[in-house]
Amino acid sequence: MTLPFHQSAPWWQEQEDTTVQNVVRKALHDERKVMTKSSAVDLVTQTDQKVEQLIIQSVKEKFPEHRFIGEESVAAGEPCILTDDPTWIIDPIDGTTNFVHA
């Protein structure tokens, strides 16, 4: 993607696009393992979990002092603690239901 000089892509997008896009593209062609969280309509896939971890790893490299609250991590039992520290709230694949049925 080429943007005009005044609209450069954010640093995280430049770093993660290839990896995250490849993970999602591969998952669209492979059979997706679908699990449920709080109910039968609250879905999560292995791709959700993997993308969340890729995003967290990438951001941690640039901002090691930042904290994270990930939708899939919290659903798996990780504590959701909001402090005064810079905190990223991560929803790895917005629209998992559509992703599952793609």
C-alpha atoms as a PDB file:
ATOM      1  CA  MET A   1       0.000   0.000   0.000  1.00  0.00           C
ATOM      2  CA  THR A   2       1.445   3.378  -0.997  1.00  0.00           C
ATOM      3  CA  LEU A   3       0.065   6.466   0.689  1.00  0.00           C
ATOM      4  CA  PRO A   4       0.748  10.108  -0.118  1.00  0.00           C
ATOM      5  CA  PHE A   5       3.687  11.556   1.839  1.00  0.00           C
ATOM      6  CA  HIS A   6       1.340  13.326   4.285  1.00  0.00           C
ATOM      7  CA  GLN A   7      -0.574  10.096   5.025  1.00  0.00           C
ATOM      8  CA  SER A   8       2.035   7.563   5.988  1.00  0.00           C
ATOM      9  CA  ALA A   9       0.925   4.303   7.552  1.00  0.00           C
ATOM     10  CA  PRO A  10       1.324   3.951  11.337  1.00  0.00           C
ATOM     11  CA  TRP A  11       4.549   2.208  12.450  1.00  0.00           C
ATOM     12  CA  TRP A  12       2.649  -0.823  13.746  1.00  0.00           C
ATOM     13  CA  GLN A  13       0.809  -1.279  10.461  1.00  0.00           C
ATOM     14  CA  GLU A  14       4.028  -1.201   8.484  1.00  0.00           C
ATOM     15  CA  GLN A  15       5.630  -3.796  10.765  1.00  0.00           C
ATOM     16  CA  GLU A  16       2.704  -6.139  11.197  1.00  0.00           C
ATOM     17  CA  ASP A  17       0.857  -6.008   7.896  1.00  0.00           C
ATOM     18  CA  THR A  18       2.781  -8.803   6.259  1.00  0.00           C
ATOM     19  CA  THR A  19       2.752 -11.193   9.208  1.00  0.00           C
ATOM     20  CA  VAL A  20      -0.832 -10.600  10.333  1.00  0.00           C
ATOM     21  CA  GLN A  21      -2.160 -10.527   6.790  1.00  0.00           C
ATOM     22  CA  ASN A  22      -0.424 -13.811   6.019  1.00  0.00           C
ATOM     23  CA  VAL A  23      -1.880 -15.450   9.134  1.00  0.00           C
ATOM     24  CA  VAL A  24      -5.398 -14.268   8.287  1.00  0.00           C
ATOM     25  CA  ARG A  25      -5.126 -15.116   4.579  1.00  0.00           C
ATOM     26  CA  LYS A  26      -3.881 -18.608   5.378  1.00  0.00           C
ATOM     27  CA  ALA A  27      -6.720 -19.114   7.856  1.00  0.00           C
ATOM     28  CA  LEU A  28      -9.276 -18.112   5.231  1.00  0.00           C
ATOM     29  CA  HIS A  29      -8.099 -20.998   3.070  1.00  0.00           C
ATOM     30  CA  ASP A  30      -7.597 -23.553   5.840  1.00  0.00           C
ATOM     31  CA  GLU A  31     -10.177 -25.182   8.037  1.00  0.00           C
ATOM     32  CA  ARG A  32     -10.732 -22.905  11.025  1.00  0.00           C
ATOM     33  CA  LYS A  33     -10.918 -24.366  14.510  1.00  0.00           C
ATOM     34  CA  VAL A  34     -13.790 -22.522  16.181  1.00  0.00           C
ATOM     35  CA  MET A  35     -14.353 -22.478  19.923  1.00  0.00           C
ATOM     36  CA  THR A  36     -16.869 -20.656  22.093  1.00  0.00           C
ATOM     37  CA  LYS A  37     -16.226 -18.309  24.999  1.00  0.00           C
ATOM     38  CA  SER A  38     -19.157 -17.105  27.113  1.00  0.00           C
ATOM     39  CA  SER A  39     -21.946 -18.501  24.892  1.00  0.00           C
ATOM     40  CA  ALA A  40     -22.614 -20.415  21.682  1.00  0.00           C
ATOM     41  CA  VAL A  41     -22.570 -17.151  19.692  1.00  0.00           C
ATOM     42  CA  ASP A  42     -19.396 -15.750  21.311  1.00  0.00           C
ATOM     43  CA  LEU A  43     -16.820 -17.299  19.002  1.00  0.00           C
ATOM     44  CA  VAL A  44     -13.033 -17.408  19.024  1.00  0.00           C
ATOM     45  CA  THR A  45     -10.635 -19.010  16.568  1.00  0.00           C
ATOM     46  CA  GLN A  46      -6.995 -19.970  16.804  1.00  0.00           C
ATOM     47  CA  THR A  47      -6.413 -17.138  14.335  1.00  0.00           C
ATOM     48  CA  ASP A  48      -7.885 -14.623  16.823  1.00  0.00           C
ATOM     49  CA  GLN A  49      -5.486 -15.892  19.475  1.00  0.00           C
ATOM     50  CA  LYS A  50      -2.468 -15.901  17.180  1.00  0.00           C
ATOM     51  CA  VAL A  51      -3.136 -12.414  15.795  1.00  0.00           C
ATOM     52  CA  GLU A  52      -3.581 -11.039  19.313  1.00  0.00           C
ATOM     53  CA  GLN A  53      -0.195 -12.445  20.328  1.00  0.00           C
ATOM     54  CA  LEU A  54       1.485 -11.083  17.174  1.00  0.00           C
ATOM     55  CA  ILE A  55       0.121  -7.607  17.872  1.00  0.00           C
ATOM     56  CA  ILE A  56       1.192  -7.701  21.521  1.00  0.00           C
ATOM     57  CA  GLN A  57       4.697  -8.932  20.650  1.00  0.00           C
ATOM     58  CA  SER A  58       5.138  -6.246  18.019  1.00  0.00           C
ATOM     59  CA  VAL A  59       3.966  -3.393  20.242  1.00  0.00           C
ATOM     60  CA  LYS A  60       6.037  -4.661  23.198  1.00  0.00           C
ATOM     61  CA  GLU A  61       9.180  -4.449  21.065  1.00  0.00           C
ATOM     62  CA  LYS A  62       8.584  -0.744  20.508  1.00  0.00           C
ATOM     63  CA  PHE A  63       6.958   0.076  23.867  1.00  0.00           C
ATOM     64  CA  PRO A  64       8.133  -2.467  26.474  1.00  0.00           C
ATOM     65  CA  GLU A  65       6.625  -0.480  29.361  1.00  0.00           C
ATOM     66  CA  HIS A  66       3.086  -0.537  27.933  1.00  0.00           C
ATOM     67  CA  ARG A  67       0.381  -2.897  29.193  1.00  0.00           C
ATOM     68  CA  PHE A  68      -2.181  -4.902  27.239  1.00  0.00           C
ATOM     69  CA  ILE A  69      -5.755  -6.059  27.648  1.00  0.00           C
ATOM     70  CA  GLY A  70      -6.534  -8.573  24.923  1.00  0.00           C
ATOM     71  CA  GLU A  71     -10.046  -9.797  24.237  1.00  0.00           C
ATOM     72  CA  GLU A  72      -8.930 -13.390  23.807  1.00  0.00           C
ATOM     73  CA  SER A  73      -6.429 -13.351  26.689  1.00  0.00           C
ATOM     74  CA  VAL A  74      -9.040 -12.042  29.111  1.00  0.00           C
ATOM     75  CA  ALA A  75     -11.600 -14.577  27.860  1.00  0.00           C
ATOM     76  CA  ALA A  76      -9.020 -17.303  28.579  1.00  0.00           C
ATOM     77  CA  GLY A  77      -8.708 -16.131  32.193  1.00  0.00           C
ATOM     78  CA  GLU A  78      -5.942 -13.534  32.131  1.00  0.00           C
ATOM     79  CA  PRO A  79      -6.773 -10.686  34.536  1.00  0.00           C
ATOM     80  CA  CYS A  80      -8.131  -7.455  33.089  1.00  0.00           C
ATOM     81  CA  ILE A  81      -6.319  -4.766  35.075  1.00  0.00           C
ATOM     82  CA  LEU A  82      -6.505  -1.150  33.985  1.00  0.00           C
ATOM     83  CA  THR A  83      -3.909   1.147  35.541  1.00  0.00           C
ATOM     84  CA  ASP A  84      -2.483   4.583  34.806  1.00  0.00           C
ATOM     85  CA  ASP A  85       0.157   2.924  32.597  1.00  0.00           C
ATOM     86  CA  PRO A  86      -0.287   3.243  28.839  1.00  0.00           C
ATOM     87  CA  THR A  87      -2.578   0.338  27.937  1.00  0.00           C
ATOM     88  CA  TRP A  88      -3.543  -1.155  24.604  1.00  0.00           C
ATOM     89  CA  ILE A  89      -7.002  -2.745  24.303  1.00  0.00           C
ATOM     90  CA  ILE A  90      -6.811  -5.398  21.588  1.00  0.00           C
ATOM     91  CA  ASP A  91      -9.627  -7.013  19.613  1.00  0.00           C
ATOM     92  CA  PRO A  92      -7.573  -9.081  17.150  1.00  0.00           C
ATOM     93  CA  ILE A  93     -10.228  -9.895  14.560  1.00  0.00           C
ATOM     94  CA  ASP A  94     -13.170  -7.544  14.769  1.00  0.00           C
ATOM     95  CA  GLY A  95     -16.036  -9.588  13.383  1.00  0.00           C
ATOM     96  CA  THR A  96     -15.039 -13.154  14.289  1.00  0.00           C
ATOM     97  CA  THR A  97     -18.494 -14.458  13.375  1.00  0.00           C
ATOM     98  CA  ASN A  98     -18.123 -13.143   9.829  1.00  0.00           C
ATOM     99  CA  PHE A  99     -14.546 -14.455   9.695  1.00  0.00           C
ATOM    100  CA  VAL A 100     -15.750 -17.933  10.742  1.00  0.00           C
ATOM    101  CA  HIS A 101     -18.406 -17.989   8.034  1.00  0.00           C
ATOM    102  CA  ALA A 102     -16.232 -16.481   5.280  1.00  0.00           C
END
